[in-house]
Amino acid sequence: MEDRQNSNDLRERTKAFALRIIRMYSALPKTTEAQVLGKQVLRSGTSAGAHYREAYRSRSPAEFISKIEGGLQELEETSYWLELLVDSGIVPQKRLADLQKEAEELTAIFASCAIRAKKNK
């Protein structure tokens, strides 16, 4: 699975990502469309870190893979909702660029973790 230092770094990074998602949601316009999309990104964006924490405490390689892949799905979903917030004109792309970049980087890390875990299974 993951070595302890990298695991702690990723635990902190996913938590920081979740906090950024929460702040982004709080700053959204109060329109129905913004709030509906915002709640979706709030749920998926904060869930990725929870999945990683579950993976971190997994009891088997299969459980680790399952949890990491669950987190990967949440990150992909988060990217989708962020894209919709931008493409719908609710939030300017410039305001979400860093958050989108972090979602992409975390997606790549989670995918790499899953691939490595499957090889070592």
N, C-alpha and C. Protein backbone atom coordinates (compact mmCIF):
# COMPACT_ATOMS: atom_id res chain seq x y z
N MET A 1 0.84 -1.17 0.00
CA MET A 1 0.00 0.00 0.00
C MET A 1 0.89 1.24 0.00
N GLU A 2 0.54 2.30 0.66
CA GLU A 2 1.31 3.54 0.63
C GLU A 2 2.29 3.60 1.79
N ASP A 3 3.47 4.23 1.57
CA ASP A 3 4.36 4.41 2.71
C ASP A 3 3.80 5.51 3.60
N ARG A 4 4.18 5.50 4.86
CA ARG A 4 3.57 6.35 5.88
C ARG A 4 3.67 7.85 5.54
N GLN A 5 4.85 8.35 5.12
CA GLN A 5 5.01 9.78 4.84
C GLN A 5 4.11 10.22 3.69
N ASN A 6 4.11 9.47 2.59
CA ASN A 6 3.24 9.81 1.47
C ASN A 6 1.78 9.75 1.85
N SER A 7 1.43 8.78 2.71
CA SER A 7 0.05 8.65 3.16
C SER A 7 -0.37 9.86 3.95
N ASN A 8 0.48 10.31 4.86
CA ASN A 8 0.15 11.49 5.66
C ASN A 8 0.02 12.72 4.77
N ASP A 9 0.93 12.86 3.81
CA ASP A 9 0.85 14.00 2.88
C ASP A 9 -0.47 13.98 2.11
N LEU A 10 -0.87 12.81 1.64
CA LEU A 10 -2.10 12.72 0.86
C LEU A 10 -3.33 12.91 1.76
N ARG A 11 -3.25 12.47 2.98
CA ARG A 11 -4.34 12.72 3.94
C ARG A 11 -4.53 14.23 4.12
N GLU A 12 -3.44 14.94 4.29
CA GLU A 12 -3.51 16.39 4.46
C GLU A 12 -3.95 17.08 3.17
N ARG A 13 -3.46 16.60 2.06
CA ARG A 13 -3.79 17.23 0.78
C ARG A 13 -5.27 17.06 0.45
N THR A 14 -5.81 15.88 0.69
CA THR A 14 -7.24 15.67 0.40
C THR A 14 -8.11 16.45 1.38
N LYS A 15 -7.65 16.62 2.62
CA LYS A 15 -8.39 17.43 3.58
C LYS A 15 -8.37 18.90 3.15
N ALA A 16 -7.21 19.39 2.74
CA ALA A 16 -7.10 20.77 2.27
C ALA A 16 -7.99 20.99 1.04
N PHE A 17 -8.04 19.99 0.15
CA PHE A 17 -8.90 20.08 -1.02
C PHE A 17 -10.37 20.19 -0.59
N ALA A 18 -10.77 19.36 0.37
CA ALA A 18 -12.15 19.39 0.86
C ALA A 18 -12.48 20.76 1.46
N LEU A 19 -11.56 21.33 2.20
CA LEU A 19 -11.79 22.65 2.79
C LEU A 19 -11.92 23.73 1.71
N ARG A 20 -11.13 23.62 0.66
CA ARG A 20 -11.24 24.56 -0.45
C ARG A 20 -12.60 24.42 -1.15
N ILE A 21 -13.06 23.19 -1.29
CA ILE A 21 -14.38 22.94 -1.90
C ILE A 21 -15.47 23.58 -1.04
N ILE A 22 -15.37 23.44 0.28
CA ILE A 22 -16.35 24.01 1.19
C ILE A 22 -16.38 25.54 1.04
N ARG A 23 -15.20 26.16 1.00
CA ARG A 23 -15.14 27.62 0.84
C ARG A 23 -15.70 28.05 -0.52
N MET A 24 -15.41 27.27 -1.56
CA MET A 24 -15.94 27.60 -2.89
C MET A 24 -17.46 27.53 -2.86
N TYR A 25 -18.02 26.49 -2.25
CA TYR A 25 -19.47 26.35 -2.16
C TYR A 25 -20.09 27.54 -1.42
N SER A 26 -19.46 27.94 -0.34
CA SER A 26 -19.98 29.07 0.45
C SER A 26 -20.02 30.37 -0.34
N ALA A 27 -19.13 30.49 -1.32
CA ALA A 27 -19.04 31.73 -2.11
C ALA A 27 -19.92 31.71 -3.36
N LEU A 28 -20.59 30.60 -3.63
CA LEU A 28 -21.42 30.52 -4.84
C LEU A 28 -22.63 31.44 -4.73
N PRO A 29 -23.13 31.89 -5.88
CA PRO A 29 -24.38 32.66 -5.87
C PRO A 29 -25.50 31.82 -5.27
N LYS A 30 -26.52 32.47 -4.78
CA LYS A 30 -27.63 31.76 -4.12
C LYS A 30 -28.73 31.36 -5.10
N THR A 31 -28.42 31.36 -6.40
CA THR A 31 -29.41 30.92 -7.39
C THR A 31 -29.63 29.41 -7.25
N THR A 32 -30.77 28.97 -7.71
CA THR A 32 -31.09 27.54 -7.63
C THR A 32 -30.04 26.71 -8.37
N GLU A 33 -29.67 27.13 -9.58
CA GLU A 33 -28.72 26.37 -10.39
C GLU A 33 -27.37 26.26 -9.68
N ALA A 34 -26.88 27.37 -9.17
CA ALA A 34 -25.58 27.38 -8.50
C ALA A 34 -25.62 26.49 -7.26
N GLN A 35 -26.71 26.55 -6.52
CA GLN A 35 -26.80 25.76 -5.29
C GLN A 35 -26.92 24.25 -5.58
N VAL A 36 -27.66 23.90 -6.62
CA VAL A 36 -27.79 22.47 -6.97
C VAL A 36 -26.43 21.91 -7.40
N LEU A 37 -25.77 22.61 -8.31
CA LEU A 37 -24.45 22.16 -8.75
C LEU A 37 -23.46 22.21 -7.60
N GLY A 38 -23.55 23.25 -6.79
CA GLY A 38 -22.65 23.40 -5.66
C GLY A 38 -22.77 22.28 -4.65
N LYS A 39 -23.99 21.86 -4.38
CA LYS A 39 -24.18 20.75 -3.42
C LYS A 39 -23.59 19.46 -3.96
N GLN A 40 -23.67 19.27 -5.26
CA GLN A 40 -23.08 18.07 -5.86
C GLN A 40 -21.56 18.08 -5.70
N VAL A 41 -20.94 19.22 -6.02
CA VAL A 41 -19.48 19.31 -5.91
C VAL A 41 -19.06 19.28 -4.44
N LEU A 42 -19.87 19.83 -3.56
CA LEU A 42 -19.58 19.78 -2.13
C LEU A 42 -19.54 18.34 -1.64
N ARG A 43 -20.52 17.55 -2.06
CA ARG A 43 -20.58 16.16 -1.63
C ARG A 43 -19.41 15.35 -2.18
N SER A 44 -19.19 15.44 -3.49
CA SER A 44 -18.14 14.61 -4.09
C SER A 44 -16.75 15.10 -3.72
N GLY A 45 -16.57 16.41 -3.64
CA GLY A 45 -15.25 16.96 -3.35
C GLY A 45 -14.78 16.70 -1.93
N THR A 46 -15.72 16.61 -1.00
CA THR A 46 -15.33 16.30 0.37
C THR A 46 -15.26 14.79 0.60
N SER A 47 -15.90 14.03 -0.24
CA SER A 47 -15.93 12.58 -0.10
C SER A 47 -14.61 11.90 -0.49
N ALA A 48 -13.87 12.51 -1.40
CA ALA A 48 -12.62 11.89 -1.87
C ALA A 48 -11.65 11.66 -0.72
N GLY A 49 -11.52 12.64 0.16
CA GLY A 49 -10.63 12.50 1.31
C GLY A 49 -11.11 11.43 2.27
N ALA A 50 -12.42 11.33 2.44
CA ALA A 50 -12.97 10.29 3.32
C ALA A 50 -12.65 8.90 2.77
N HIS A 51 -12.76 8.74 1.46
CA HIS A 51 -12.41 7.46 0.84
C HIS A 51 -10.93 7.15 1.05
N TYR A 52 -10.09 8.17 0.92
CA TYR A 52 -8.66 7.93 1.13
C TYR A 52 -8.38 7.52 2.56
N ARG A 53 -9.03 8.15 3.51
CA ARG A 53 -8.83 7.77 4.91
C ARG A 53 -9.29 6.33 5.16
N GLU A 54 -10.36 5.93 4.52
CA GLU A 54 -10.82 4.55 4.64
C GLU A 54 -9.80 3.60 4.01
N ALA A 55 -9.25 3.98 2.88
CA ALA A 55 -8.24 3.15 2.22
C ALA A 55 -7.00 3.03 3.09
N TYR A 56 -6.62 4.12 3.71
CA TYR A 56 -5.45 4.18 4.59
C TYR A 56 -5.56 3.16 5.71
N ARG A 57 -6.76 2.91 6.18
CA ARG A 57 -7.01 1.97 7.27
C ARG A 57 -7.53 0.61 6.78
N SER A 58 -7.41 0.36 5.50
CA SER A 58 -7.96 -0.89 4.94
C SER A 58 -7.30 -2.12 5.56
N ARG A 59 -8.03 -3.20 5.56
CA ARG A 59 -7.56 -4.45 6.15
C ARG A 59 -6.97 -5.42 5.14
N SER A 60 -7.12 -5.09 3.86
CA SER A 60 -6.59 -5.98 2.82
C SER A 60 -6.30 -5.17 1.56
N PRO A 61 -5.48 -5.74 0.68
CA PRO A 61 -5.23 -5.05 -0.59
C PRO A 61 -6.51 -4.83 -1.39
N ALA A 62 -7.42 -5.79 -1.37
CA ALA A 62 -8.68 -5.65 -2.11
C ALA A 62 -9.51 -4.49 -1.55
N GLU A 63 -9.55 -4.37 -0.24
CA GLU A 63 -10.29 -3.27 0.37
C GLU A 63 -9.63 -1.93 0.04
N PHE A 64 -8.30 -1.88 0.06
CA PHE A 64 -7.57 -0.67 -0.29
C PHE A 64 -7.93 -0.23 -1.71
N ILE A 65 -7.89 -1.18 -2.64
CA ILE A 65 -8.20 -0.88 -4.04
C ILE A 65 -9.63 -0.37 -4.17
N SER A 66 -10.55 -1.01 -3.50
CA SER A 66 -11.95 -0.61 -3.56
C SER A 66 -12.14 0.82 -3.06
N LYS A 67 -11.53 1.15 -1.95
CA LYS A 67 -11.67 2.49 -1.38
C LYS A 67 -10.99 3.54 -2.24
N ILE A 68 -9.80 3.24 -2.73
CA ILE A 68 -9.08 4.18 -3.60
C ILE A 68 -9.88 4.42 -4.88
N GLU A 69 -10.42 3.37 -5.45
CA GLU A 69 -11.22 3.53 -6.66
C GLU A 69 -12.51 4.31 -6.38
N GLY A 70 -13.07 4.16 -5.18
CA GLY A 70 -14.23 4.97 -4.79
C GLY A 70 -13.85 6.44 -4.74
N GLY A 71 -12.69 6.73 -4.16
CA GLY A 71 -12.20 8.10 -4.11
C GLY A 71 -11.93 8.65 -5.50
N LEU A 72 -11.42 7.80 -6.37
CA LEU A 72 -11.16 8.19 -7.76
C LEU A 72 -12.47 8.58 -8.46
N GLN A 73 -13.51 7.80 -8.24
CA GLN A 73 -14.82 8.13 -8.82
C GLN A 73 -15.32 9.48 -8.30
N GLU A 74 -15.14 9.74 -7.02
CA GLU A 74 -15.58 11.01 -6.45
C GLU A 74 -14.80 12.18 -7.04
N LEU A 75 -13.51 11.99 -7.27
CA LEU A 75 -12.70 13.05 -7.87
C LEU A 75 -13.12 13.32 -9.31
N GLU A 76 -13.40 12.26 -10.06
CA GLU A 76 -13.88 12.43 -11.44
C GLU A 76 -15.21 13.19 -11.44
N GLU A 77 -16.08 12.84 -10.50
CA GLU A 77 -17.37 13.52 -10.40
C GLU A 77 -17.17 14.98 -10.01
N THR A 78 -16.25 15.25 -9.11
CA THR A 78 -15.95 16.63 -8.70
C THR A 78 -15.50 17.45 -9.90
N SER A 79 -14.62 16.89 -10.71
CA SER A 79 -14.16 17.59 -11.91
C SER A 79 -15.32 17.91 -12.83
N TYR A 80 -16.24 16.98 -12.96
CA TYR A 80 -17.42 17.20 -13.81
C TYR A 80 -18.25 18.38 -13.30
N TRP A 81 -18.55 18.40 -12.00
CA TRP A 81 -19.37 19.48 -11.45
C TRP A 81 -18.64 20.82 -11.55
N LEU A 82 -17.34 20.83 -11.34
CA LEU A 82 -16.57 22.07 -11.49
C LEU A 82 -16.66 22.57 -12.94
N GLU A 83 -16.54 21.64 -13.89
CA GLU A 83 -16.67 22.01 -15.31
C GLU A 83 -18.04 22.61 -15.59
N LEU A 84 -19.09 22.03 -15.02
CA LEU A 84 -20.44 22.56 -15.24
C LEU A 84 -20.61 23.95 -14.63
N LEU A 85 -20.01 24.18 -13.48
CA LEU A 85 -20.08 25.52 -12.88
C LEU A 85 -19.45 26.55 -13.80
N VAL A 86 -18.35 26.18 -14.45
CA VAL A 86 -17.66 27.09 -15.36
C VAL A 86 -18.43 27.20 -16.68
N ASP A 87 -18.74 26.05 -17.28
CA ASP A 87 -19.37 26.05 -18.61
C ASP A 87 -20.76 26.68 -18.61
N SER A 88 -21.43 26.64 -17.47
CA SER A 88 -22.76 27.26 -17.38
C SER A 88 -22.67 28.77 -17.16
N GLY A 89 -21.48 29.26 -16.89
CA GLY A 89 -21.30 30.69 -16.66
C GLY A 89 -21.57 31.12 -15.23
N ILE A 90 -21.77 30.17 -14.34
CA ILE A 90 -22.05 30.51 -12.94
C ILE A 90 -20.79 31.06 -12.26
N VAL A 91 -19.66 30.44 -12.56
CA VAL A 91 -18.39 30.86 -11.96
C VAL A 91 -17.38 31.05 -13.09
N PRO A 92 -16.64 32.15 -13.08
CA PRO A 92 -15.61 32.34 -14.11
C PRO A 92 -14.53 31.26 -14.00
N GLN A 93 -14.06 30.79 -15.14
CA GLN A 93 -13.04 29.73 -15.17
C GLN A 93 -11.82 30.09 -14.34
N LYS A 94 -11.44 31.33 -14.40
CA LYS A 94 -10.26 31.81 -13.66
C LYS A 94 -10.38 31.54 -12.16
N ARG A 95 -11.58 31.68 -11.62
CA ARG A 95 -11.79 31.46 -10.18
C ARG A 95 -11.70 30.00 -9.77
N LEU A 96 -11.96 29.10 -10.70
CA LEU A 96 -11.93 27.67 -10.36
C LEU A 96 -10.71 26.94 -10.92
N ALA A 97 -9.85 27.63 -11.64
CA ALA A 97 -8.72 26.98 -12.31
C ALA A 97 -7.83 26.20 -11.34
N ASP A 98 -7.49 26.80 -10.22
CA ASP A 98 -6.61 26.11 -9.25
C ASP A 98 -7.30 24.89 -8.64
N LEU A 99 -8.58 25.01 -8.36
CA LEU A 99 -9.34 23.89 -7.81
C LEU A 99 -9.45 22.76 -8.83
N GLN A 100 -9.68 23.12 -10.09
CA GLN A 100 -9.75 22.11 -11.14
C GLN A 100 -8.40 21.42 -11.30
N LYS A 101 -7.33 22.18 -11.24
CA LYS A 101 -5.99 21.60 -11.38
C LYS A 101 -5.71 20.62 -10.23
N GLU A 102 -6.08 21.00 -9.03
CA GLU A 102 -5.87 20.11 -7.88
C GLU A 102 -6.71 18.84 -8.02
N ALA A 103 -7.94 18.96 -8.50
CA ALA A 103 -8.78 17.78 -8.72
C ALA A 103 -8.12 16.84 -9.73
N GLU A 104 -7.55 17.41 -10.79
CA GLU A 104 -6.87 16.60 -11.80
C GLU A 104 -5.63 15.91 -11.23
N GLU A 105 -4.85 16.64 -10.43
CA GLU A 105 -3.65 16.07 -9.83
C GLU A 105 -4.00 14.96 -8.84
N LEU A 106 -5.02 15.19 -8.01
CA LEU A 106 -5.44 14.15 -7.07
C LEU A 106 -5.98 12.93 -7.82
N THR A 107 -6.68 13.16 -8.92
CA THR A 107 -7.17 12.05 -9.74
C THR A 107 -6.00 11.21 -10.24
N ALA A 108 -4.96 11.86 -10.72
CA ALA A 108 -3.78 11.14 -11.22
C ALA A 108 -3.11 10.35 -10.09
N ILE A 109 -3.02 10.94 -8.91
CA ILE A 109 -2.41 10.26 -7.76
C ILE A 109 -3.24 9.04 -7.36
N PHE A 110 -4.55 9.21 -7.25
CA PHE A 110 -5.41 8.10 -6.87
C PHE A 110 -5.34 6.98 -7.91
N ALA A 111 -5.34 7.35 -9.19
CA ALA A 111 -5.25 6.34 -10.26
C ALA A 111 -3.94 5.58 -10.14
N SER A 112 -2.85 6.29 -9.89
CA SER A 112 -1.55 5.66 -9.73
C SER A 112 -1.54 4.72 -8.52
N CYS A 113 -2.14 5.13 -7.43
CA CYS A 113 -2.24 4.28 -6.24
C CYS A 113 -2.99 2.99 -6.55
N ALA A 114 -4.09 3.12 -7.28
CA ALA A 114 -4.90 1.94 -7.62
C ALA A 114 -4.13 0.99 -8.53
N ILE A 115 -3.45 1.54 -9.52
CA ILE A 115 -2.68 0.72 -10.44
C ILE A 115 -1.56 -0.02 -9.70
N ARG A 116 -0.85 0.72 -8.86
CA ARG A 116 0.26 0.13 -8.11
C ARG A 116 -0.25 -0.96 -7.16
N ALA A 117 -1.37 -0.69 -6.50
CA ALA A 117 -1.93 -1.68 -5.57
C ALA A 117 -2.37 -2.94 -6.31
N LYS A 118 -2.93 -2.78 -7.49
CA LYS A 118 -3.35 -3.95 -8.28
C LYS A 118 -2.14 -4.79 -8.71
N LYS A 119 -1.05 -4.12 -9.05
CA LYS A 119 0.16 -4.84 -9.45
C LYS A 119 0.77 -5.61 -8.28
N ASN A 120 0.67 -5.04 -7.08
CA ASN A 120 1.28 -5.64 -5.89
C ASN A 120 0.36 -6.62 -5.17
N LYS A 121 -0.85 -6.77 -5.64
CA LYS A 121 -1.86 -7.60 -4.99
C LYS A 121 -1.49 -9.03 -4.87
